[in-house]
N, C-alpha and C. Protein backbone atom coordinates (compact mmCIF):
# COMPACT_ATOMS: atom_id res chain seq x y z
N MET A 1 -17.75 -2.33 -25.21
CA MET A 1 -16.95 -1.87 -24.07
C MET A 1 -16.43 -3.05 -23.25
N LYS A 2 -17.33 -4.02 -22.99
CA LYS A 2 -16.93 -5.21 -22.24
C LYS A 2 -15.81 -5.95 -22.95
N SER A 3 -15.94 -6.08 -24.28
CA SER A 3 -14.92 -6.75 -25.07
C SER A 3 -13.59 -6.02 -24.99
N PHE A 4 -13.63 -4.70 -24.99
CA PHE A 4 -12.41 -3.89 -24.90
C PHE A 4 -11.67 -4.18 -23.60
N PHE A 5 -12.41 -4.18 -22.49
CA PHE A 5 -11.78 -4.41 -21.19
C PHE A 5 -11.22 -5.83 -21.09
N MET A 6 -11.93 -6.81 -21.67
CA MET A 6 -11.44 -8.19 -21.61
C MET A 6 -10.16 -8.36 -22.42
N LYS A 7 -10.09 -7.71 -23.57
CA LYS A 7 -8.92 -7.84 -24.43
C LYS A 7 -7.72 -7.06 -23.91
N ASN A 8 -7.97 -5.97 -23.19
CA ASN A 8 -6.89 -5.07 -22.81
C ASN A 8 -6.68 -4.96 -21.30
N SER A 9 -7.23 -5.90 -20.54
CA SER A 9 -7.16 -5.80 -19.08
C SER A 9 -5.73 -5.75 -18.56
N ILE A 10 -4.84 -6.56 -19.14
CA ILE A 10 -3.46 -6.57 -18.66
C ILE A 10 -2.75 -5.27 -19.02
N HIS A 11 -3.11 -4.67 -20.15
CA HIS A 11 -2.49 -3.41 -20.54
C HIS A 11 -2.99 -2.27 -19.64
N LEU A 12 -4.28 -2.30 -19.29
CA LEU A 12 -4.81 -1.29 -18.39
C LEU A 12 -4.19 -1.42 -17.00
N LEU A 13 -3.98 -2.65 -16.56
CA LEU A 13 -3.31 -2.87 -15.28
C LEU A 13 -1.88 -2.34 -15.31
N THR A 14 -1.20 -2.56 -16.43
CA THR A 14 0.18 -2.08 -16.58
C THR A 14 0.25 -0.56 -16.60
N ILE A 15 -0.67 0.07 -17.31
CA ILE A 15 -0.72 1.53 -17.35
C ILE A 15 -0.93 2.09 -15.94
N SER A 16 -1.81 1.44 -15.17
CA SER A 16 -2.05 1.87 -13.79
C SER A 16 -0.78 1.71 -12.96
N GLY A 17 -0.06 0.61 -13.18
CA GLY A 17 1.19 0.38 -12.44
C GLY A 17 2.24 1.42 -12.76
N VAL A 18 2.39 1.73 -14.04
CA VAL A 18 3.37 2.74 -14.46
C VAL A 18 2.98 4.10 -13.90
N ALA A 19 1.70 4.43 -13.95
CA ALA A 19 1.23 5.72 -13.42
C ALA A 19 1.52 5.84 -11.93
N ALA A 20 1.27 4.75 -11.18
CA ALA A 20 1.55 4.76 -9.74
C ALA A 20 3.04 4.91 -9.48
N LEU A 21 3.85 4.24 -10.29
CA LEU A 21 5.31 4.31 -10.12
C LEU A 21 5.83 5.71 -10.42
N VAL A 22 5.36 6.31 -11.52
CA VAL A 22 5.79 7.66 -11.89
C VAL A 22 5.37 8.66 -10.82
N TYR A 23 4.13 8.56 -10.36
CA TYR A 23 3.65 9.46 -9.32
C TYR A 23 4.49 9.32 -8.05
N THR A 24 4.82 8.10 -7.72
CA THR A 24 5.64 7.85 -6.53
C THR A 24 7.03 8.44 -6.68
N ALA A 25 7.63 8.27 -7.86
CA ALA A 25 8.98 8.80 -8.09
C ALA A 25 9.01 10.32 -8.02
N VAL A 26 7.99 10.96 -8.59
CA VAL A 26 7.94 12.42 -8.60
C VAL A 26 7.69 12.99 -7.21
N ASN A 27 6.87 12.30 -6.42
CA ASN A 27 6.45 12.83 -5.12
C ASN A 27 7.07 12.10 -3.94
N TRP A 28 8.15 11.37 -4.19
CA TRP A 28 8.76 10.52 -3.17
C TRP A 28 9.02 11.25 -1.85
N SER A 29 9.60 12.43 -1.94
CA SER A 29 10.03 13.13 -0.73
C SER A 29 8.89 13.61 0.16
N ILE A 30 7.70 13.77 -0.41
CA ILE A 30 6.58 14.28 0.38
C ILE A 30 5.54 13.21 0.70
N MET A 31 5.79 11.99 0.24
CA MET A 31 4.83 10.91 0.46
C MET A 31 5.15 10.16 1.75
N PRO A 32 4.13 9.74 2.51
CA PRO A 32 4.38 8.88 3.66
C PRO A 32 4.91 7.53 3.20
N VAL A 33 5.67 6.89 4.05
CA VAL A 33 6.32 5.63 3.68
C VAL A 33 5.33 4.57 3.18
N PRO A 34 4.19 4.34 3.85
CA PRO A 34 3.27 3.33 3.34
C PRO A 34 2.81 3.59 1.91
N GLN A 35 2.60 4.87 1.56
CA GLN A 35 2.18 5.17 0.19
C GLN A 35 3.32 4.95 -0.80
N ARG A 36 4.55 5.28 -0.39
CA ARG A 36 5.69 4.99 -1.26
C ARG A 36 5.75 3.51 -1.59
N MET A 37 5.59 2.69 -0.56
CA MET A 37 5.72 1.26 -0.74
C MET A 37 4.57 0.69 -1.58
N THR A 38 3.36 1.21 -1.38
CA THR A 38 2.25 0.73 -2.20
C THR A 38 2.43 1.16 -3.66
N GLY A 39 3.03 2.33 -3.87
CA GLY A 39 3.34 2.76 -5.24
C GLY A 39 4.30 1.81 -5.92
N LEU A 40 5.31 1.35 -5.17
CA LEU A 40 6.28 0.40 -5.73
C LEU A 40 5.64 -0.95 -5.99
N ILE A 41 4.83 -1.40 -5.04
CA ILE A 41 4.28 -2.75 -5.19
C ILE A 41 3.17 -2.80 -6.25
N CYS A 42 2.56 -1.66 -6.55
CA CYS A 42 1.59 -1.62 -7.65
C CYS A 42 2.25 -2.04 -8.96
N MET A 43 3.45 -1.50 -9.21
CA MET A 43 4.17 -1.86 -10.42
C MET A 43 4.62 -3.31 -10.36
N ALA A 44 5.00 -3.77 -9.19
CA ALA A 44 5.43 -5.17 -9.04
C ALA A 44 4.28 -6.12 -9.36
N TYR A 45 3.07 -5.75 -8.97
CA TYR A 45 1.91 -6.61 -9.28
C TYR A 45 1.60 -6.61 -10.77
N ALA A 46 1.82 -5.49 -11.44
CA ALA A 46 1.64 -5.46 -12.89
C ALA A 46 2.64 -6.40 -13.57
N LEU A 47 3.89 -6.36 -13.11
CA LEU A 47 4.90 -7.29 -13.63
C LEU A 47 4.52 -8.73 -13.33
N HIS A 48 3.96 -8.94 -12.14
CA HIS A 48 3.54 -10.27 -11.73
C HIS A 48 2.46 -10.82 -12.68
N ALA A 49 1.55 -9.94 -13.08
CA ALA A 49 0.49 -10.36 -14.01
C ALA A 49 1.08 -10.80 -15.35
N TRP A 50 2.05 -10.05 -15.85
CA TRP A 50 2.70 -10.43 -17.12
C TRP A 50 3.43 -11.77 -16.98
N GLU A 51 4.13 -11.95 -15.87
CA GLU A 51 4.89 -13.19 -15.69
C GLU A 51 3.97 -14.40 -15.56
N GLU A 52 2.84 -14.22 -14.86
CA GLU A 52 1.93 -15.35 -14.66
C GLU A 52 1.08 -15.67 -15.89
N PHE A 53 0.66 -14.63 -16.62
CA PHE A 53 -0.33 -14.85 -17.67
C PHE A 53 0.22 -14.77 -19.10
N ARG A 54 1.38 -14.23 -19.29
CA ARG A 54 1.88 -14.06 -20.65
C ARG A 54 3.13 -14.89 -20.95
N PHE A 55 3.83 -15.38 -19.93
CA PHE A 55 4.96 -16.26 -20.20
C PHE A 55 4.43 -17.63 -20.63
N PRO A 56 5.12 -18.28 -21.58
CA PRO A 56 4.69 -19.64 -21.99
C PRO A 56 4.67 -20.58 -20.78
N GLY A 57 3.64 -21.44 -20.74
CA GLY A 57 3.52 -22.35 -19.60
C GLY A 57 3.24 -21.59 -18.33
N GLY A 58 2.34 -20.60 -18.41
CA GLY A 58 2.09 -19.69 -17.30
C GLY A 58 1.38 -20.30 -16.12
N PHE A 59 1.02 -19.42 -15.20
CA PHE A 59 0.44 -19.85 -13.92
C PHE A 59 -0.84 -20.66 -14.11
N MET A 60 -1.78 -20.14 -14.90
CA MET A 60 -3.07 -20.82 -15.07
C MET A 60 -2.89 -22.17 -15.75
N GLU A 61 -1.98 -22.25 -16.73
CA GLU A 61 -1.73 -23.52 -17.41
C GLU A 61 -1.12 -24.54 -16.44
N THR A 62 -0.18 -24.08 -15.61
CA THR A 62 0.47 -24.98 -14.66
C THR A 62 -0.52 -25.51 -13.64
N VAL A 63 -1.29 -24.61 -13.05
CA VAL A 63 -2.27 -25.03 -12.04
C VAL A 63 -3.36 -25.89 -12.67
N GLY A 64 -3.87 -25.45 -13.82
CA GLY A 64 -4.95 -26.19 -14.48
C GLY A 64 -4.56 -27.60 -14.88
N SER A 65 -3.34 -27.75 -15.42
CA SER A 65 -2.90 -29.08 -15.86
C SER A 65 -2.65 -30.02 -14.69
N ASN A 66 -2.18 -29.46 -13.57
CA ASN A 66 -1.89 -30.30 -12.41
C ASN A 66 -3.12 -30.60 -11.58
N LEU A 67 -4.11 -29.70 -11.60
CA LEU A 67 -5.34 -29.92 -10.83
C LEU A 67 -6.51 -30.32 -11.73
N ASN A 68 -6.20 -30.52 -13.01
CA ASN A 68 -7.16 -31.08 -13.95
C ASN A 68 -8.43 -30.22 -14.10
N TYR A 69 -8.25 -28.96 -14.47
CA TYR A 69 -9.39 -28.12 -14.79
C TYR A 69 -8.96 -27.03 -15.75
N SER A 70 -9.91 -26.44 -16.41
CA SER A 70 -9.65 -25.30 -17.30
C SER A 70 -10.91 -24.45 -17.34
N PHE A 71 -10.74 -23.16 -17.63
CA PHE A 71 -11.87 -22.25 -17.72
C PHE A 71 -12.24 -22.05 -19.19
N SER A 72 -13.53 -22.04 -19.45
CA SER A 72 -14.01 -21.93 -20.82
C SER A 72 -13.88 -20.52 -21.38
N ASN A 73 -13.74 -19.54 -20.50
CA ASN A 73 -13.67 -18.14 -20.94
C ASN A 73 -12.41 -17.49 -20.35
N PRO A 74 -11.23 -17.77 -20.92
CA PRO A 74 -9.98 -17.28 -20.34
C PRO A 74 -9.86 -15.76 -20.30
N ARG A 75 -10.46 -15.07 -21.26
CA ARG A 75 -10.40 -13.60 -21.26
C ARG A 75 -11.14 -13.03 -20.05
N SER A 76 -12.30 -13.58 -19.76
CA SER A 76 -13.04 -13.15 -18.58
C SER A 76 -12.27 -13.48 -17.31
N THR A 77 -11.59 -14.61 -17.35
CA THR A 77 -10.77 -15.01 -16.20
C THR A 77 -9.70 -13.97 -15.93
N GLU A 78 -8.99 -13.55 -16.97
CA GLU A 78 -7.95 -12.54 -16.83
C GLU A 78 -8.52 -11.23 -16.30
N LEU A 79 -9.65 -10.82 -16.86
CA LEU A 79 -10.26 -9.56 -16.44
C LEU A 79 -10.58 -9.58 -14.95
N LEU A 80 -11.13 -10.69 -14.47
CA LEU A 80 -11.48 -10.79 -13.05
C LEU A 80 -10.24 -10.82 -12.17
N VAL A 81 -9.23 -11.56 -12.60
CA VAL A 81 -7.98 -11.63 -11.82
C VAL A 81 -7.34 -10.26 -11.73
N PHE A 82 -7.29 -9.55 -12.84
CA PHE A 82 -6.64 -8.24 -12.85
C PHE A 82 -7.47 -7.21 -12.09
N THR A 83 -8.79 -7.37 -12.10
CA THR A 83 -9.64 -6.49 -11.29
C THR A 83 -9.37 -6.73 -9.81
N ALA A 84 -9.19 -8.00 -9.43
CA ALA A 84 -8.86 -8.33 -8.04
C ALA A 84 -7.52 -7.74 -7.65
N ILE A 85 -6.54 -7.82 -8.55
CA ILE A 85 -5.22 -7.23 -8.29
C ILE A 85 -5.35 -5.73 -8.09
N PHE A 86 -6.19 -5.10 -8.93
CA PHE A 86 -6.40 -3.65 -8.81
C PHE A 86 -6.97 -3.31 -7.43
N CYS A 87 -7.95 -4.08 -6.98
CA CYS A 87 -8.56 -3.83 -5.68
C CYS A 87 -7.57 -4.02 -4.54
N VAL A 88 -6.68 -5.00 -4.69
CA VAL A 88 -5.74 -5.33 -3.61
C VAL A 88 -4.56 -4.38 -3.57
N SER A 89 -4.14 -3.86 -4.73
CA SER A 89 -2.92 -3.04 -4.75
C SER A 89 -3.17 -1.56 -5.01
N PHE A 90 -4.02 -1.21 -5.98
CA PHE A 90 -4.19 0.19 -6.35
C PHE A 90 -5.16 0.94 -5.45
N VAL A 91 -6.18 0.26 -4.96
CA VAL A 91 -7.08 0.91 -4.00
C VAL A 91 -6.30 1.32 -2.74
N PRO A 92 -5.44 0.44 -2.18
CA PRO A 92 -4.62 0.87 -1.04
C PRO A 92 -3.68 2.03 -1.38
N PHE A 93 -3.21 2.11 -2.62
CA PHE A 93 -2.35 3.22 -3.01
C PHE A 93 -3.11 4.54 -2.93
N ILE A 94 -4.34 4.53 -3.38
CA ILE A 94 -5.17 5.74 -3.35
C ILE A 94 -5.54 6.13 -1.92
N PHE A 95 -5.82 5.12 -1.09
CA PHE A 95 -6.23 5.37 0.29
C PHE A 95 -5.14 4.92 1.27
N SER A 96 -3.91 5.28 0.96
CA SER A 96 -2.76 4.79 1.74
C SER A 96 -2.71 5.37 3.15
N HIS A 97 -3.50 6.42 3.43
CA HIS A 97 -3.54 6.95 4.80
C HIS A 97 -4.24 5.98 5.75
N VAL A 98 -4.93 4.99 5.17
CA VAL A 98 -5.53 3.92 5.98
C VAL A 98 -4.49 2.81 6.08
N ALA A 99 -3.82 2.72 7.21
CA ALA A 99 -2.66 1.84 7.34
C ALA A 99 -2.99 0.38 7.05
N TRP A 100 -4.12 -0.10 7.58
CA TRP A 100 -4.44 -1.52 7.39
C TRP A 100 -4.70 -1.83 5.93
N LEU A 101 -5.27 -0.87 5.19
CA LEU A 101 -5.52 -1.09 3.77
C LEU A 101 -4.20 -1.17 3.00
N ALA A 102 -3.24 -0.33 3.39
CA ALA A 102 -1.93 -0.34 2.75
C ALA A 102 -1.19 -1.64 3.00
N MET A 103 -1.55 -2.35 4.07
CA MET A 103 -0.89 -3.62 4.38
C MET A 103 -1.45 -4.80 3.59
N THR A 104 -2.59 -4.61 2.94
CA THR A 104 -3.20 -5.71 2.20
C THR A 104 -2.29 -6.24 1.09
N PRO A 105 -1.75 -5.40 0.18
CA PRO A 105 -0.88 -5.94 -0.85
C PRO A 105 0.43 -6.49 -0.29
N MET A 106 0.83 -5.99 0.90
CA MET A 106 2.06 -6.47 1.50
C MET A 106 1.91 -7.90 2.03
N LEU A 107 0.78 -8.17 2.67
CA LEU A 107 0.52 -9.52 3.15
C LEU A 107 0.39 -10.49 1.98
N LEU A 108 -0.29 -10.05 0.92
CA LEU A 108 -0.42 -10.90 -0.26
C LEU A 108 0.94 -11.13 -0.91
N GLY A 109 1.81 -10.10 -0.87
CA GLY A 109 3.14 -10.24 -1.45
C GLY A 109 3.93 -11.36 -0.79
N ILE A 110 3.82 -11.49 0.51
CA ILE A 110 4.50 -12.58 1.23
C ILE A 110 3.84 -13.92 0.89
N MET A 111 2.51 -13.92 0.84
CA MET A 111 1.79 -15.15 0.51
C MET A 111 2.13 -15.64 -0.89
N GLU A 112 2.37 -14.70 -1.83
CA GLU A 112 2.71 -15.08 -3.20
C GLU A 112 4.01 -15.88 -3.25
N VAL A 113 4.99 -15.44 -2.50
CA VAL A 113 6.27 -16.16 -2.49
C VAL A 113 6.08 -17.57 -1.94
N ILE A 114 5.37 -17.69 -0.84
CA ILE A 114 5.10 -19.00 -0.24
C ILE A 114 4.35 -19.89 -1.23
N ALA A 115 3.34 -19.31 -1.90
CA ALA A 115 2.53 -20.08 -2.85
C ALA A 115 3.35 -20.59 -4.02
N HIS A 116 4.24 -19.75 -4.55
CA HIS A 116 5.02 -20.15 -5.72
C HIS A 116 6.07 -21.20 -5.38
N PHE A 117 6.69 -21.08 -4.22
CA PHE A 117 7.60 -22.15 -3.80
C PHE A 117 6.82 -23.43 -3.51
N GLY A 118 5.61 -23.26 -2.95
CA GLY A 118 4.77 -24.42 -2.69
C GLY A 118 4.37 -25.13 -3.97
N MET A 119 4.11 -24.37 -5.04
CA MET A 119 3.77 -24.98 -6.34
C MET A 119 4.91 -25.83 -6.86
N ILE A 120 6.13 -25.34 -6.71
CA ILE A 120 7.29 -26.09 -7.19
C ILE A 120 7.36 -27.46 -6.51
N ARG A 121 7.14 -27.46 -5.21
CA ARG A 121 7.21 -28.70 -4.44
C ARG A 121 6.00 -29.59 -4.69
N LEU A 122 4.80 -29.00 -4.63
CA LEU A 122 3.57 -29.78 -4.76
C LEU A 122 3.43 -30.40 -6.15
N PHE A 123 3.72 -29.61 -7.19
CA PHE A 123 3.56 -30.09 -8.56
C PHE A 123 4.81 -30.79 -9.08
N LYS A 124 5.86 -30.81 -8.26
CA LYS A 124 7.12 -31.47 -8.63
C LYS A 124 7.62 -30.98 -9.99
N LEU A 125 7.70 -29.65 -10.12
CA LEU A 125 8.13 -29.04 -11.37
C LEU A 125 9.59 -29.35 -11.65
N GLU A 126 9.91 -29.54 -12.92
CA GLU A 126 11.28 -29.93 -13.30
C GLU A 126 12.28 -28.83 -12.99
N ARG A 127 11.88 -27.57 -13.18
CA ARG A 127 12.75 -26.44 -12.88
C ARG A 127 12.37 -25.85 -11.53
N PHE A 128 13.32 -25.25 -10.85
CA PHE A 128 13.04 -24.60 -9.57
C PHE A 128 12.45 -23.23 -9.86
N TYR A 129 11.29 -23.27 -10.49
CA TYR A 129 10.62 -22.03 -10.91
C TYR A 129 9.16 -22.33 -11.19
N SER A 130 8.28 -21.44 -10.77
CA SER A 130 6.88 -21.46 -11.18
C SER A 130 6.53 -20.07 -11.68
N SER A 131 5.66 -19.98 -12.67
CA SER A 131 5.37 -18.71 -13.32
C SER A 131 4.86 -17.67 -12.32
N GLY A 132 5.63 -16.60 -12.17
CA GLY A 132 5.29 -15.55 -11.21
C GLY A 132 6.29 -15.46 -10.07
N LEU A 133 7.21 -16.42 -9.98
CA LEU A 133 8.12 -16.47 -8.85
C LEU A 133 9.07 -15.27 -8.80
N ILE A 134 9.62 -14.88 -9.95
CA ILE A 134 10.60 -13.79 -9.96
C ILE A 134 9.98 -12.48 -9.49
N SER A 135 8.81 -12.15 -10.04
CA SER A 135 8.15 -10.91 -9.62
C SER A 135 7.67 -11.00 -8.18
N ALA A 136 7.32 -12.21 -7.72
CA ALA A 136 6.94 -12.39 -6.31
C ALA A 136 8.13 -12.10 -5.41
N LEU A 137 9.32 -12.50 -5.83
CA LEU A 137 10.52 -12.22 -5.04
C LEU A 137 10.84 -10.72 -5.02
N ILE A 138 10.44 -10.00 -6.08
CA ILE A 138 10.60 -8.54 -6.09
C ILE A 138 9.68 -7.92 -5.05
N MET A 139 8.48 -8.48 -4.89
CA MET A 139 7.53 -7.95 -3.91
C MET A 139 7.98 -8.19 -2.47
N LEU A 140 8.72 -9.27 -2.26
CA LEU A 140 9.02 -9.70 -0.89
C LEU A 140 9.72 -8.64 -0.05
N PRO A 141 10.84 -8.02 -0.51
CA PRO A 141 11.48 -7.00 0.33
C PRO A 141 10.60 -5.77 0.56
N ILE A 142 9.78 -5.41 -0.44
CA ILE A 142 8.85 -4.29 -0.27
C ILE A 142 7.86 -4.61 0.84
N SER A 143 7.33 -5.83 0.80
CA SER A 143 6.35 -6.26 1.79
C SER A 143 6.94 -6.30 3.19
N ILE A 144 8.12 -6.91 3.31
CA ILE A 144 8.75 -7.04 4.63
C ILE A 144 9.09 -5.68 5.21
N TYR A 145 9.65 -4.79 4.39
CA TYR A 145 10.00 -3.45 4.86
C TYR A 145 8.75 -2.70 5.32
N SER A 146 7.68 -2.78 4.53
CA SER A 146 6.44 -2.05 4.85
C SER A 146 5.83 -2.53 6.15
N ILE A 147 5.75 -3.85 6.32
CA ILE A 147 5.17 -4.41 7.53
C ILE A 147 6.02 -4.05 8.75
N THR A 148 7.34 -4.14 8.58
CA THR A 148 8.26 -3.79 9.67
C THR A 148 8.10 -2.33 10.07
N TYR A 149 7.99 -1.45 9.07
CA TYR A 149 7.83 -0.01 9.33
C TYR A 149 6.54 0.26 10.11
N VAL A 150 5.46 -0.34 9.68
CA VAL A 150 4.16 -0.12 10.34
C VAL A 150 4.19 -0.62 11.78
N VAL A 151 4.80 -1.78 12.00
CA VAL A 151 4.89 -2.35 13.35
C VAL A 151 5.76 -1.48 14.25
N GLN A 152 6.94 -1.10 13.75
CA GLN A 152 7.88 -0.32 14.56
C GLN A 152 7.35 1.06 14.90
N ASN A 153 6.52 1.62 14.04
CA ASN A 153 5.99 2.96 14.28
C ASN A 153 4.58 2.95 14.87
N GLY A 154 4.09 1.77 15.22
CA GLY A 154 2.80 1.65 15.87
C GLY A 154 1.64 2.24 15.09
N LEU A 155 1.65 2.06 13.78
CA LEU A 155 0.61 2.65 12.94
C LEU A 155 -0.69 1.84 12.96
N MET A 156 -0.63 0.63 13.51
CA MET A 156 -1.83 -0.21 13.58
C MET A 156 -1.92 -0.88 14.94
N HIS A 157 -3.14 -0.96 15.46
CA HIS A 157 -3.38 -1.75 16.66
C HIS A 157 -3.38 -3.23 16.28
N PRO A 158 -3.02 -4.11 17.20
CA PRO A 158 -2.97 -5.54 16.86
C PRO A 158 -4.23 -6.07 16.19
N VAL A 159 -5.40 -5.66 16.68
CA VAL A 159 -6.64 -6.19 16.11
C VAL A 159 -6.84 -5.73 14.67
N GLN A 160 -6.21 -4.61 14.29
CA GLN A 160 -6.39 -4.09 12.94
C GLN A 160 -5.72 -4.96 11.88
N TRP A 161 -4.83 -5.85 12.30
CA TRP A 161 -4.21 -6.76 11.33
C TRP A 161 -5.22 -7.75 10.76
N LEU A 162 -6.36 -7.88 11.43
CA LEU A 162 -7.43 -8.72 10.89
C LEU A 162 -8.08 -8.07 9.67
N PHE A 163 -8.06 -6.73 9.61
CA PHE A 163 -8.76 -6.03 8.53
C PHE A 163 -8.18 -6.33 7.14
N PRO A 164 -6.83 -6.23 6.95
CA PRO A 164 -6.32 -6.56 5.62
C PRO A 164 -6.54 -8.01 5.24
N ILE A 165 -6.52 -8.91 6.24
CA ILE A 165 -6.78 -10.32 5.96
C ILE A 165 -8.21 -10.52 5.49
N LEU A 166 -9.15 -9.87 6.17
CA LEU A 166 -10.56 -9.97 5.79
C LEU A 166 -10.82 -9.33 4.43
N TYR A 167 -10.20 -8.17 4.19
CA TYR A 167 -10.37 -7.49 2.91
C TYR A 167 -9.83 -8.35 1.77
N LEU A 168 -8.65 -8.93 1.99
CA LEU A 168 -8.04 -9.79 0.98
C LEU A 168 -8.92 -11.01 0.71
N PHE A 169 -9.41 -11.63 1.78
CA PHE A 169 -10.29 -12.79 1.63
C PHE A 169 -11.56 -12.42 0.87
N MET A 170 -12.14 -11.27 1.20
CA MET A 170 -13.38 -10.84 0.55
C MET A 170 -13.18 -10.65 -0.95
N VAL A 171 -12.09 -9.96 -1.33
CA VAL A 171 -11.81 -9.71 -2.74
C VAL A 171 -11.61 -11.02 -3.49
N MET A 172 -10.81 -11.92 -2.92
CA MET A 172 -10.52 -13.18 -3.58
C MET A 172 -11.74 -14.08 -3.66
N PHE A 173 -12.53 -14.10 -2.58
CA PHE A 173 -13.71 -14.97 -2.56
C PHE A 173 -14.76 -14.51 -3.56
N ILE A 174 -15.02 -13.21 -3.59
CA ILE A 174 -16.02 -12.68 -4.54
C ILE A 174 -15.55 -12.90 -5.97
N SER A 175 -14.27 -12.67 -6.23
CA SER A 175 -13.71 -12.87 -7.57
C SER A 175 -13.85 -14.33 -7.99
N GLN A 176 -13.57 -15.23 -7.05
CA GLN A 176 -13.68 -16.66 -7.35
C GLN A 176 -15.12 -17.06 -7.67
N LEU A 177 -16.08 -16.54 -6.91
CA LEU A 177 -17.49 -16.85 -7.16
C LEU A 177 -17.92 -16.37 -8.55
N ILE A 178 -17.53 -15.13 -8.90
CA ILE A 178 -17.89 -14.58 -10.21
C ILE A 178 -17.22 -15.38 -11.31
N LEU A 179 -15.95 -15.74 -11.08
CA LEU A 179 -15.19 -16.50 -12.07
C LEU A 179 -15.85 -17.84 -12.36
N LEU A 180 -16.26 -18.53 -11.31
CA LEU A 180 -16.91 -19.83 -11.49
C LEU A 180 -18.25 -19.69 -12.19
N LYS A 181 -19.00 -18.66 -11.85
CA LYS A 181 -20.30 -18.44 -12.48
C LYS A 181 -20.15 -18.18 -13.97
N ILE A 182 -19.19 -17.35 -14.33
CA ILE A 182 -18.96 -17.04 -15.75
C ILE A 182 -18.62 -18.30 -16.53
N ASN A 183 -17.87 -19.19 -15.89
CA ASN A 183 -17.44 -20.42 -16.57
C ASN A 183 -18.37 -21.61 -16.31
N GLY A 184 -19.55 -21.32 -15.78
CA GLY A 184 -20.56 -22.36 -15.62
C GLY A 184 -20.23 -23.42 -14.60
N MET A 185 -19.52 -23.05 -13.53
CA MET A 185 -19.14 -24.01 -12.49
C MET A 185 -19.81 -23.64 -11.17
N LYS A 186 -20.06 -24.66 -10.36
CA LYS A 186 -20.61 -24.45 -9.02
C LYS A 186 -19.48 -24.54 -8.00
N LEU A 187 -19.53 -23.68 -6.99
CA LEU A 187 -18.46 -23.63 -6.00
C LEU A 187 -18.24 -24.97 -5.31
N ILE A 188 -19.32 -25.62 -4.88
CA ILE A 188 -19.20 -26.89 -4.17
C ILE A 188 -18.53 -27.95 -5.04
N ASP A 189 -18.97 -28.05 -6.29
CA ASP A 189 -18.39 -29.04 -7.21
C ASP A 189 -16.92 -28.73 -7.47
N PHE A 190 -16.62 -27.44 -7.65
CA PHE A 190 -15.24 -27.04 -7.91
C PHE A 190 -14.33 -27.41 -6.73
N LEU A 191 -14.79 -27.12 -5.51
CA LEU A 191 -14.00 -27.43 -4.33
C LEU A 191 -13.79 -28.93 -4.16
N LYS A 192 -14.83 -29.72 -4.44
CA LYS A 192 -14.71 -31.17 -4.32
C LYS A 192 -13.68 -31.75 -5.27
N THR A 193 -13.74 -31.31 -6.53
CA THR A 193 -12.80 -31.83 -7.53
C THR A 193 -11.38 -31.36 -7.26
N ARG A 194 -11.22 -30.13 -6.76
CA ARG A 194 -9.88 -29.64 -6.46
C ARG A 194 -9.29 -30.36 -5.24
N ARG A 195 -10.15 -30.65 -4.27
CA ARG A 195 -9.68 -31.37 -3.09
C ARG A 195 -9.21 -32.78 -3.47
N ALA A 196 -9.95 -33.40 -4.38
CA ALA A 196 -9.56 -34.74 -4.85
C ALA A 196 -8.24 -34.67 -5.61
N ALA A 197 -8.08 -33.62 -6.43
CA ALA A 197 -6.85 -33.46 -7.19
C ALA A 197 -5.65 -33.23 -6.27
N PHE A 198 -5.84 -32.43 -5.23
CA PHE A 198 -4.76 -32.20 -4.25
C PHE A 198 -4.41 -33.49 -3.55
N ALA A 199 -5.41 -34.28 -3.21
CA ALA A 199 -5.16 -35.55 -2.51
C ALA A 199 -4.32 -36.48 -3.39
N ARG A 200 -4.60 -36.51 -4.69
CA ARG A 200 -3.82 -37.35 -5.60
C ARG A 200 -2.37 -36.86 -5.68
N LEU A 201 -2.20 -35.54 -5.72
CA LEU A 201 -0.84 -34.99 -5.78
C LEU A 201 -0.04 -35.34 -4.53
N LEU A 202 -0.66 -35.24 -3.38
CA LEU A 202 0.02 -35.52 -2.12
C LEU A 202 0.40 -36.99 -1.97
N GLN A 203 -0.33 -37.88 -2.67
CA GLN A 203 -0.06 -39.31 -2.59
C GLN A 203 1.08 -39.74 -3.49
N LYS A 204 1.43 -38.88 -4.44
CA LYS A 204 2.50 -39.24 -5.39
C LYS A 204 3.86 -39.24 -4.69
């Protein structure tokens, strides 16, 4: 069973994205706006996974080669990443009546665009493109519209904007810890070597 999920994690993520998109299309007129938007961004994240992990010279290869690291168990890496994506995008779709939860994939959608443009500059890529950029740009208008709608309609108190940030951090941090453990790495050592790699890049 574990082997099945590792081999087919991206396909299961895609099926979930298509299901969310179809459900959204069929029920568009009766769905609240935040749920409509999370339905759309679920599919966008599935596309994002394909662009980052299946295109030649993908996201992990680009980051790994520039920061001088690689994971010994890439299938487990994909499974954990896609599980994190599921938690960030599909869980909010199911519980979209919780406004702050629905904002989690939207905040990440904006961060993805910033991160991919940052990769182009930091890694001095030959093309004005980093793996995942196109699908990240698809997420951007969905994210901006959703956040604007929630703010204009007062669906969240100011302090509640901390909740999606904390939820996002928790998902990413736990995923990172599990990922490092699976690949036999310690968090402190990983952070030290990555910090040194970043320092070298900034000096170039």
